[in-house]
Amino acid sequence: MGTTTAERPSGFEHSGFDAFNALCPSRRLLDTIGDKWVSLAIVALGLRGPLRYSELASQIEGVSQKMLTQSLRKMERDGLLIRTVTPSVPVRTDYELTTLGQTLLPVLGHLKAWAEEHMPEVDAARTAYDGRP
């Protein structure tokens, strides 16, 4: 059952959930989606299609094995990806987005592109902020 509040901004559809409410379960989903490794994994899988663990790890520079594994488990639990294990020597494990996970691609793809496009402005703002007395 969703957690709701009495007032909602106009233009927002009523879904029965309200992430502004601390007790709403949608807040946990936002925690997962907002994780940088999860969002980068979603975009990588969306761009490249199904990937093996090692392919995904090499695609996302800087992610540790522990963090990638935790991120993939969260995504699988939330129904965002499918993990397929093929018995072979060595065992082959592939990851691919579910239909639900694919619905995040436009949002996260735009967010990634926005960050890349506006990084010079953000760097300038950080430099100006850090230079203040």
N, C-alpha and C. Protein backbone atom coordinates (compact mmCIF):
# COMPACT_ATOMS: atom_id res chain seq x y z
N MET A 1 0.84 -1.17 0.00
CA MET A 1 0.00 0.00 0.00
C MET A 1 0.88 1.24 0.00
N GLY A 2 0.55 2.23 -0.79
CA GLY A 2 1.34 3.44 -0.93
C GLY A 2 1.16 4.37 0.25
N THR A 3 2.10 5.28 0.39
CA THR A 3 2.04 6.31 1.40
C THR A 3 1.76 7.62 0.68
N THR A 4 0.72 8.31 1.09
CA THR A 4 0.34 9.53 0.38
C THR A 4 0.37 10.73 1.31
N THR A 5 0.33 11.92 0.72
CA THR A 5 0.19 13.15 1.48
C THR A 5 -1.06 13.86 0.98
N ALA A 6 -1.53 14.82 1.76
CA ALA A 6 -2.77 15.52 1.41
C ALA A 6 -2.60 16.41 0.19
N GLU A 7 -1.45 17.04 0.04
CA GLU A 7 -1.27 17.96 -1.07
C GLU A 7 -0.23 17.43 -2.04
N ARG A 8 -0.54 17.55 -3.33
CA ARG A 8 0.40 17.16 -4.38
C ARG A 8 0.52 18.33 -5.34
N PRO A 9 1.72 18.55 -5.87
CA PRO A 9 1.85 19.59 -6.88
C PRO A 9 0.99 19.25 -8.09
N SER A 10 0.41 20.27 -8.72
CA SER A 10 -0.40 20.01 -9.91
C SER A 10 0.48 19.47 -11.02
N GLY A 11 -0.08 18.61 -11.86
CA GLY A 11 0.67 18.02 -12.96
C GLY A 11 1.26 16.67 -12.64
N PHE A 12 1.22 16.26 -11.38
CA PHE A 12 1.74 14.97 -11.00
C PHE A 12 0.59 13.98 -10.88
N GLU A 13 0.72 12.85 -11.52
CA GLU A 13 -0.33 11.84 -11.46
C GLU A 13 -0.33 11.19 -10.08
N HIS A 14 -1.49 10.84 -9.63
CA HIS A 14 -1.63 10.16 -8.35
C HIS A 14 -1.33 8.68 -8.55
N SER A 15 -0.25 8.20 -7.93
CA SER A 15 0.11 6.80 -8.06
C SER A 15 -0.10 6.04 -6.76
N GLY A 16 -0.42 6.75 -5.70
CA GLY A 16 -0.55 6.10 -4.41
C GLY A 16 0.76 6.12 -3.63
N PHE A 17 1.82 6.62 -4.23
CA PHE A 17 3.12 6.72 -3.57
C PHE A 17 3.59 8.16 -3.58
N ASP A 18 4.38 8.52 -2.58
CA ASP A 18 4.91 9.89 -2.50
C ASP A 18 6.32 9.82 -1.94
N ALA A 19 7.31 9.96 -2.82
CA ALA A 19 8.71 9.85 -2.41
C ALA A 19 9.16 10.96 -1.48
N PHE A 20 8.37 12.04 -1.37
CA PHE A 20 8.69 13.08 -0.40
C PHE A 20 8.43 12.62 1.03
N ASN A 21 7.60 11.60 1.18
CA ASN A 21 7.28 11.04 2.49
C ASN A 21 8.38 10.06 2.88
N ALA A 22 8.98 10.26 4.05
CA ALA A 22 10.11 9.44 4.49
C ALA A 22 9.78 7.96 4.60
N LEU A 23 8.52 7.62 4.81
CA LEU A 23 8.14 6.22 4.98
C LEU A 23 7.70 5.54 3.69
N CYS A 24 7.64 6.29 2.61
CA CYS A 24 7.16 5.73 1.35
C CYS A 24 8.19 4.76 0.75
N PRO A 25 7.74 3.57 0.34
CA PRO A 25 8.68 2.60 -0.25
C PRO A 25 9.33 3.07 -1.55
N SER A 26 8.72 4.03 -2.22
CA SER A 26 9.35 4.53 -3.45
C SER A 26 10.67 5.23 -3.16
N ARG A 27 10.86 5.67 -1.93
CA ARG A 27 12.12 6.31 -1.54
C ARG A 27 13.28 5.33 -1.66
N ARG A 28 13.07 4.07 -1.30
CA ARG A 28 14.13 3.05 -1.43
C ARG A 28 14.47 2.79 -2.89
N LEU A 29 13.45 2.82 -3.75
CA LEU A 29 13.69 2.64 -5.18
C LEU A 29 14.52 3.80 -5.72
N LEU A 30 14.21 5.02 -5.29
CA LEU A 30 15.00 6.17 -5.72
C LEU A 30 16.45 6.07 -5.23
N ASP A 31 16.64 5.51 -4.04
CA ASP A 31 18.00 5.28 -3.56
C ASP A 31 18.77 4.37 -4.51
N THR A 32 18.12 3.34 -4.98
CA THR A 32 18.76 2.40 -5.91
C THR A 32 19.04 3.07 -7.24
N ILE A 33 18.03 3.70 -7.83
CA ILE A 33 18.19 4.31 -9.14
C ILE A 33 19.20 5.45 -9.10
N GLY A 34 19.25 6.17 -7.98
CA GLY A 34 20.16 7.30 -7.84
C GLY A 34 21.60 6.91 -7.58
N ASP A 35 21.85 5.66 -7.32
CA ASP A 35 23.22 5.19 -7.11
C ASP A 35 23.99 5.29 -8.43
N LYS A 36 25.19 5.88 -8.39
CA LYS A 36 25.93 6.11 -9.64
C LYS A 36 26.26 4.81 -10.36
N TRP A 37 26.57 3.75 -9.64
CA TRP A 37 26.94 2.50 -10.31
C TRP A 37 25.71 1.86 -10.95
N VAL A 38 24.56 1.95 -10.30
CA VAL A 38 23.32 1.42 -10.86
C VAL A 38 22.96 2.18 -12.13
N SER A 39 22.98 3.50 -12.05
CA SER A 39 22.59 4.29 -13.23
C SER A 39 23.54 4.07 -14.39
N LEU A 40 24.84 3.96 -14.12
CA LEU A 40 25.80 3.71 -15.19
C LEU A 40 25.62 2.30 -15.77
N ALA A 41 25.30 1.33 -14.92
CA ALA A 41 25.06 -0.03 -15.40
C ALA A 41 23.83 -0.08 -16.29
N ILE A 42 22.78 0.64 -15.91
CA ILE A 42 21.56 0.67 -16.73
C ILE A 42 21.86 1.26 -18.10
N VAL A 43 22.59 2.37 -18.13
CA VAL A 43 22.91 2.99 -19.42
C VAL A 43 23.82 2.08 -20.24
N ALA A 44 24.82 1.47 -19.61
CA ALA A 44 25.73 0.57 -20.33
C ALA A 44 24.97 -0.62 -20.93
N LEU A 45 24.09 -1.22 -20.15
CA LEU A 45 23.31 -2.35 -20.66
C LEU A 45 22.34 -1.90 -21.73
N GLY A 46 21.83 -0.70 -21.62
CA GLY A 46 20.93 -0.18 -22.64
C GLY A 46 21.63 0.09 -23.96
N LEU A 47 22.86 0.57 -23.87
CA LEU A 47 23.62 0.87 -25.09
C LEU A 47 24.22 -0.38 -25.74
N ARG A 48 24.66 -1.31 -24.92
CA ARG A 48 25.41 -2.46 -25.43
C ARG A 48 24.60 -3.75 -25.50
N GLY A 49 23.43 -3.78 -24.86
CA GLY A 49 22.66 -5.02 -24.82
C GLY A 49 23.18 -5.92 -23.72
N PRO A 50 22.82 -7.19 -23.75
CA PRO A 50 23.29 -8.10 -22.71
C PRO A 50 24.81 -8.13 -22.63
N LEU A 51 25.33 -8.12 -21.39
CA LEU A 51 26.77 -8.14 -21.17
C LEU A 51 27.13 -9.16 -20.11
N ARG A 52 28.30 -9.73 -20.25
CA ARG A 52 28.86 -10.56 -19.19
C ARG A 52 29.36 -9.65 -18.09
N TYR A 53 29.55 -10.21 -16.91
CA TYR A 53 30.00 -9.42 -15.76
C TYR A 53 31.29 -8.68 -16.08
N SER A 54 32.26 -9.39 -16.65
CA SER A 54 33.56 -8.77 -16.95
C SER A 54 33.44 -7.66 -17.99
N GLU A 55 32.54 -7.83 -18.95
CA GLU A 55 32.32 -6.78 -19.96
C GLU A 55 31.71 -5.54 -19.32
N LEU A 56 30.78 -5.76 -18.42
CA LEU A 56 30.14 -4.65 -17.73
C LEU A 56 31.14 -3.94 -16.83
N ALA A 57 31.96 -4.70 -16.12
CA ALA A 57 32.98 -4.11 -15.24
C ALA A 57 33.98 -3.29 -16.02
N SER A 58 34.38 -3.74 -17.20
CA SER A 58 35.34 -2.98 -17.99
C SER A 58 34.69 -1.75 -18.63
N GLN A 59 33.39 -1.80 -18.84
CA GLN A 59 32.66 -0.66 -19.41
C GLN A 59 32.56 0.48 -18.40
N ILE A 60 32.44 0.14 -17.11
CA ILE A 60 32.25 1.15 -16.06
C ILE A 60 33.57 1.26 -15.27
N GLU A 61 34.44 2.13 -15.74
CA GLU A 61 35.74 2.29 -15.10
C GLU A 61 35.59 2.77 -13.66
N GLY A 62 36.40 2.22 -12.78
CA GLY A 62 36.45 2.67 -11.39
C GLY A 62 35.54 1.93 -10.43
N VAL A 63 34.62 1.11 -10.95
CA VAL A 63 33.73 0.38 -10.05
C VAL A 63 34.47 -0.84 -9.51
N SER A 64 34.37 -1.06 -8.21
CA SER A 64 34.99 -2.24 -7.61
C SER A 64 34.10 -3.45 -7.85
N GLN A 65 34.69 -4.63 -7.72
CA GLN A 65 33.92 -5.86 -7.89
C GLN A 65 32.79 -5.91 -6.87
N LYS A 66 33.08 -5.51 -5.64
CA LYS A 66 32.06 -5.53 -4.57
C LYS A 66 30.89 -4.60 -4.91
N MET A 67 31.18 -3.38 -5.34
CA MET A 67 30.12 -2.42 -5.62
C MET A 67 29.31 -2.81 -6.85
N LEU A 68 29.97 -3.35 -7.88
CA LEU A 68 29.22 -3.77 -9.05
C LEU A 68 28.32 -4.94 -8.71
N THR A 69 28.83 -5.89 -7.95
CA THR A 69 28.02 -7.04 -7.54
C THR A 69 26.81 -6.59 -6.73
N GLN A 70 27.02 -5.69 -5.76
CA GLN A 70 25.91 -5.19 -4.95
C GLN A 70 24.89 -4.45 -5.81
N SER A 71 25.38 -3.65 -6.74
CA SER A 71 24.49 -2.89 -7.61
C SER A 71 23.65 -3.82 -8.48
N LEU A 72 24.27 -4.83 -9.06
CA LEU A 72 23.55 -5.77 -9.91
C LEU A 72 22.51 -6.55 -9.11
N ARG A 73 22.83 -6.90 -7.88
CA ARG A 73 21.87 -7.62 -7.03
C ARG A 73 20.66 -6.74 -6.73
N LYS A 74 20.91 -5.46 -6.41
CA LYS A 74 19.80 -4.53 -6.15
C LYS A 74 18.92 -4.40 -7.39
N MET A 75 19.54 -4.28 -8.54
CA MET A 75 18.80 -4.12 -9.79
C MET A 75 17.97 -5.37 -10.09
N GLU A 76 18.54 -6.54 -9.85
CA GLU A 76 17.81 -7.78 -10.08
C GLU A 76 16.64 -7.88 -9.11
N ARG A 77 16.87 -7.54 -7.86
CA ARG A 77 15.80 -7.59 -6.85
C ARG A 77 14.64 -6.67 -7.20
N ASP A 78 14.96 -5.50 -7.76
CA ASP A 78 13.93 -4.52 -8.11
C ASP A 78 13.31 -4.78 -9.48
N GLY A 79 13.73 -5.85 -10.14
CA GLY A 79 13.14 -6.21 -11.43
C GLY A 79 13.66 -5.40 -12.60
N LEU A 80 14.84 -4.78 -12.44
CA LEU A 80 15.40 -3.95 -13.50
C LEU A 80 16.29 -4.71 -14.46
N LEU A 81 16.81 -5.85 -14.02
CA LEU A 81 17.63 -6.67 -14.91
C LEU A 81 17.41 -8.14 -14.68
N ILE A 82 17.82 -8.90 -15.67
CA ILE A 82 17.76 -10.37 -15.61
C ILE A 82 19.19 -10.88 -15.61
N ARG A 83 19.45 -11.78 -14.70
CA ARG A 83 20.76 -12.43 -14.61
C ARG A 83 20.58 -13.85 -15.12
N THR A 84 21.34 -14.19 -16.16
CA THR A 84 21.23 -15.52 -16.76
C THR A 84 22.56 -16.24 -16.59
N VAL A 85 22.52 -17.41 -15.94
CA VAL A 85 23.71 -18.22 -15.74
C VAL A 85 23.66 -19.39 -16.70
N THR A 86 24.69 -19.52 -17.51
CA THR A 86 24.79 -20.61 -18.46
C THR A 86 25.85 -21.58 -17.97
N PRO A 87 25.46 -22.84 -17.70
CA PRO A 87 26.45 -23.80 -17.22
C PRO A 87 27.45 -24.12 -18.33
N SER A 88 28.67 -23.76 -18.10
CA SER A 88 29.76 -24.04 -19.03
C SER A 88 31.05 -23.99 -18.22
N VAL A 89 32.16 -24.18 -18.88
CA VAL A 89 33.45 -24.09 -18.19
C VAL A 89 34.24 -22.99 -18.87
N PRO A 90 34.45 -21.84 -18.22
CA PRO A 90 33.87 -21.45 -16.93
C PRO A 90 32.40 -21.08 -17.08
N VAL A 91 31.72 -20.96 -15.95
CA VAL A 91 30.31 -20.60 -15.95
C VAL A 91 30.16 -19.22 -16.58
N ARG A 92 29.15 -19.07 -17.42
CA ARG A 92 28.90 -17.78 -18.07
C ARG A 92 27.69 -17.12 -17.43
N THR A 93 27.85 -15.86 -17.02
CA THR A 93 26.76 -15.09 -16.44
C THR A 93 26.55 -13.84 -17.28
N ASP A 94 25.32 -13.67 -17.77
CA ASP A 94 24.97 -12.51 -18.58
C ASP A 94 23.93 -11.68 -17.86
N TYR A 95 23.99 -10.37 -18.08
CA TYR A 95 23.04 -9.44 -17.50
C TYR A 95 22.38 -8.65 -18.61
N GLU A 96 21.06 -8.50 -18.52
CA GLU A 96 20.35 -7.68 -19.49
C GLU A 96 19.18 -6.98 -18.80
N LEU A 97 18.81 -5.83 -19.34
CA LEU A 97 17.71 -5.07 -18.77
C LEU A 97 16.39 -5.76 -19.04
N THR A 98 15.50 -5.68 -18.07
CA THR A 98 14.12 -6.12 -18.26
C THR A 98 13.38 -5.00 -19.00
N THR A 99 12.14 -5.26 -19.35
CA THR A 99 11.32 -4.22 -19.95
C THR A 99 11.19 -3.04 -18.99
N LEU A 100 11.04 -3.33 -17.71
CA LEU A 100 10.97 -2.27 -16.70
C LEU A 100 12.27 -1.47 -16.65
N GLY A 101 13.39 -2.16 -16.66
CA GLY A 101 14.69 -1.48 -16.66
C GLY A 101 14.89 -0.61 -17.88
N GLN A 102 14.38 -1.06 -19.01
CA GLN A 102 14.51 -0.28 -20.24
C GLN A 102 13.74 1.03 -20.18
N THR A 103 12.69 1.09 -19.35
CA THR A 103 11.94 2.34 -19.24
C THR A 103 12.77 3.44 -18.58
N LEU A 104 13.84 3.08 -17.90
CA LEU A 104 14.72 4.08 -17.26
C LEU A 104 15.75 4.65 -18.23
N LEU A 105 15.94 4.01 -19.37
CA LEU A 105 16.99 4.44 -20.31
C LEU A 105 16.86 5.88 -20.76
N PRO A 106 15.68 6.33 -21.19
CA PRO A 106 15.60 7.74 -21.62
C PRO A 106 15.97 8.71 -20.50
N VAL A 107 15.49 8.45 -19.31
CA VAL A 107 15.75 9.35 -18.18
C VAL A 107 17.24 9.36 -17.83
N LEU A 108 17.81 8.19 -17.64
CA LEU A 108 19.21 8.12 -17.21
C LEU A 108 20.16 8.47 -18.34
N GLY A 109 19.79 8.15 -19.58
CA GLY A 109 20.61 8.55 -20.72
C GLY A 109 20.70 10.06 -20.84
N HIS A 110 19.56 10.74 -20.64
CA HIS A 110 19.55 12.20 -20.68
C HIS A 110 20.34 12.79 -19.51
N LEU A 111 20.22 12.17 -18.34
CA LEU A 111 20.96 12.65 -17.18
C LEU A 111 22.46 12.52 -17.41
N LYS A 112 22.91 11.40 -17.96
CA LYS A 112 24.33 11.20 -18.27
C LYS A 112 24.79 12.23 -19.29
N ALA A 113 24.01 12.43 -20.34
CA ALA A 113 24.37 13.41 -21.38
C ALA A 113 24.40 14.82 -20.81
N TRP A 114 23.44 15.15 -19.94
CA TRP A 114 23.42 16.47 -19.31
C TRP A 114 24.69 16.70 -18.51
N ALA A 115 25.07 15.71 -17.71
CA ALA A 115 26.27 15.83 -16.88
C ALA A 115 27.51 16.03 -17.75
N GLU A 116 27.63 15.29 -18.83
CA GLU A 116 28.78 15.42 -19.71
C GLU A 116 28.79 16.78 -20.41
N GLU A 117 27.64 17.26 -20.82
CA GLU A 117 27.54 18.55 -21.53
C GLU A 117 27.82 19.74 -20.62
N HIS A 118 27.35 19.66 -19.39
CA HIS A 118 27.44 20.81 -18.50
C HIS A 118 28.61 20.75 -17.50
N MET A 119 29.49 19.77 -17.66
CA MET A 119 30.61 19.64 -16.73
C MET A 119 31.50 20.87 -16.69
N PRO A 120 31.80 21.54 -17.83
CA PRO A 120 32.62 22.75 -17.74
C PRO A 120 31.98 23.84 -16.87
N GLU A 121 30.66 24.01 -16.97
CA GLU A 121 29.97 25.00 -16.16
C GLU A 121 30.00 24.62 -14.68
N VAL A 122 29.84 23.34 -14.40
CA VAL A 122 29.88 22.86 -13.01
C VAL A 122 31.28 23.03 -12.45
N ASP A 123 32.31 22.71 -13.24
CA ASP A 123 33.69 22.92 -12.78
C ASP A 123 33.95 24.38 -12.46
N ALA A 124 33.45 25.30 -13.33
CA ALA A 124 33.63 26.73 -13.09
C ALA A 124 32.93 27.15 -11.81
N ALA A 125 31.71 26.65 -11.59
CA ALA A 125 30.97 26.98 -10.37
C ALA A 125 31.70 26.46 -9.14
N ARG A 126 32.24 25.25 -9.22
CA ARG A 126 32.98 24.68 -8.09
C ARG A 126 34.23 25.51 -7.78
N THR A 127 34.95 25.89 -8.83
CA THR A 127 36.16 26.70 -8.65
C THR A 127 35.81 28.04 -8.00
N ALA A 128 34.74 28.68 -8.48
CA ALA A 128 34.31 29.96 -7.90
C ALA A 128 33.89 29.77 -6.45
N TYR A 129 33.17 28.73 -6.15
CA TYR A 129 32.71 28.47 -4.78
C TYR A 129 33.91 28.21 -3.87
N ASP A 130 34.83 27.36 -4.34
CA ASP A 130 35.99 27.01 -3.51
C ASP A 130 36.94 28.20 -3.29
N GLY A 131 36.89 29.19 -4.19
CA GLY A 131 37.75 30.36 -4.08
C GLY A 131 37.19 31.47 -3.19
N ARG A 132 35.97 31.29 -2.72
CA ARG A 132 35.37 32.31 -1.85
C ARG A 132 36.05 32.32 -0.49
N PRO A 133 36.14 33.53 0.11
CA PRO A 133 36.76 33.61 1.46
C PRO A 133 35.89 32.98 2.52
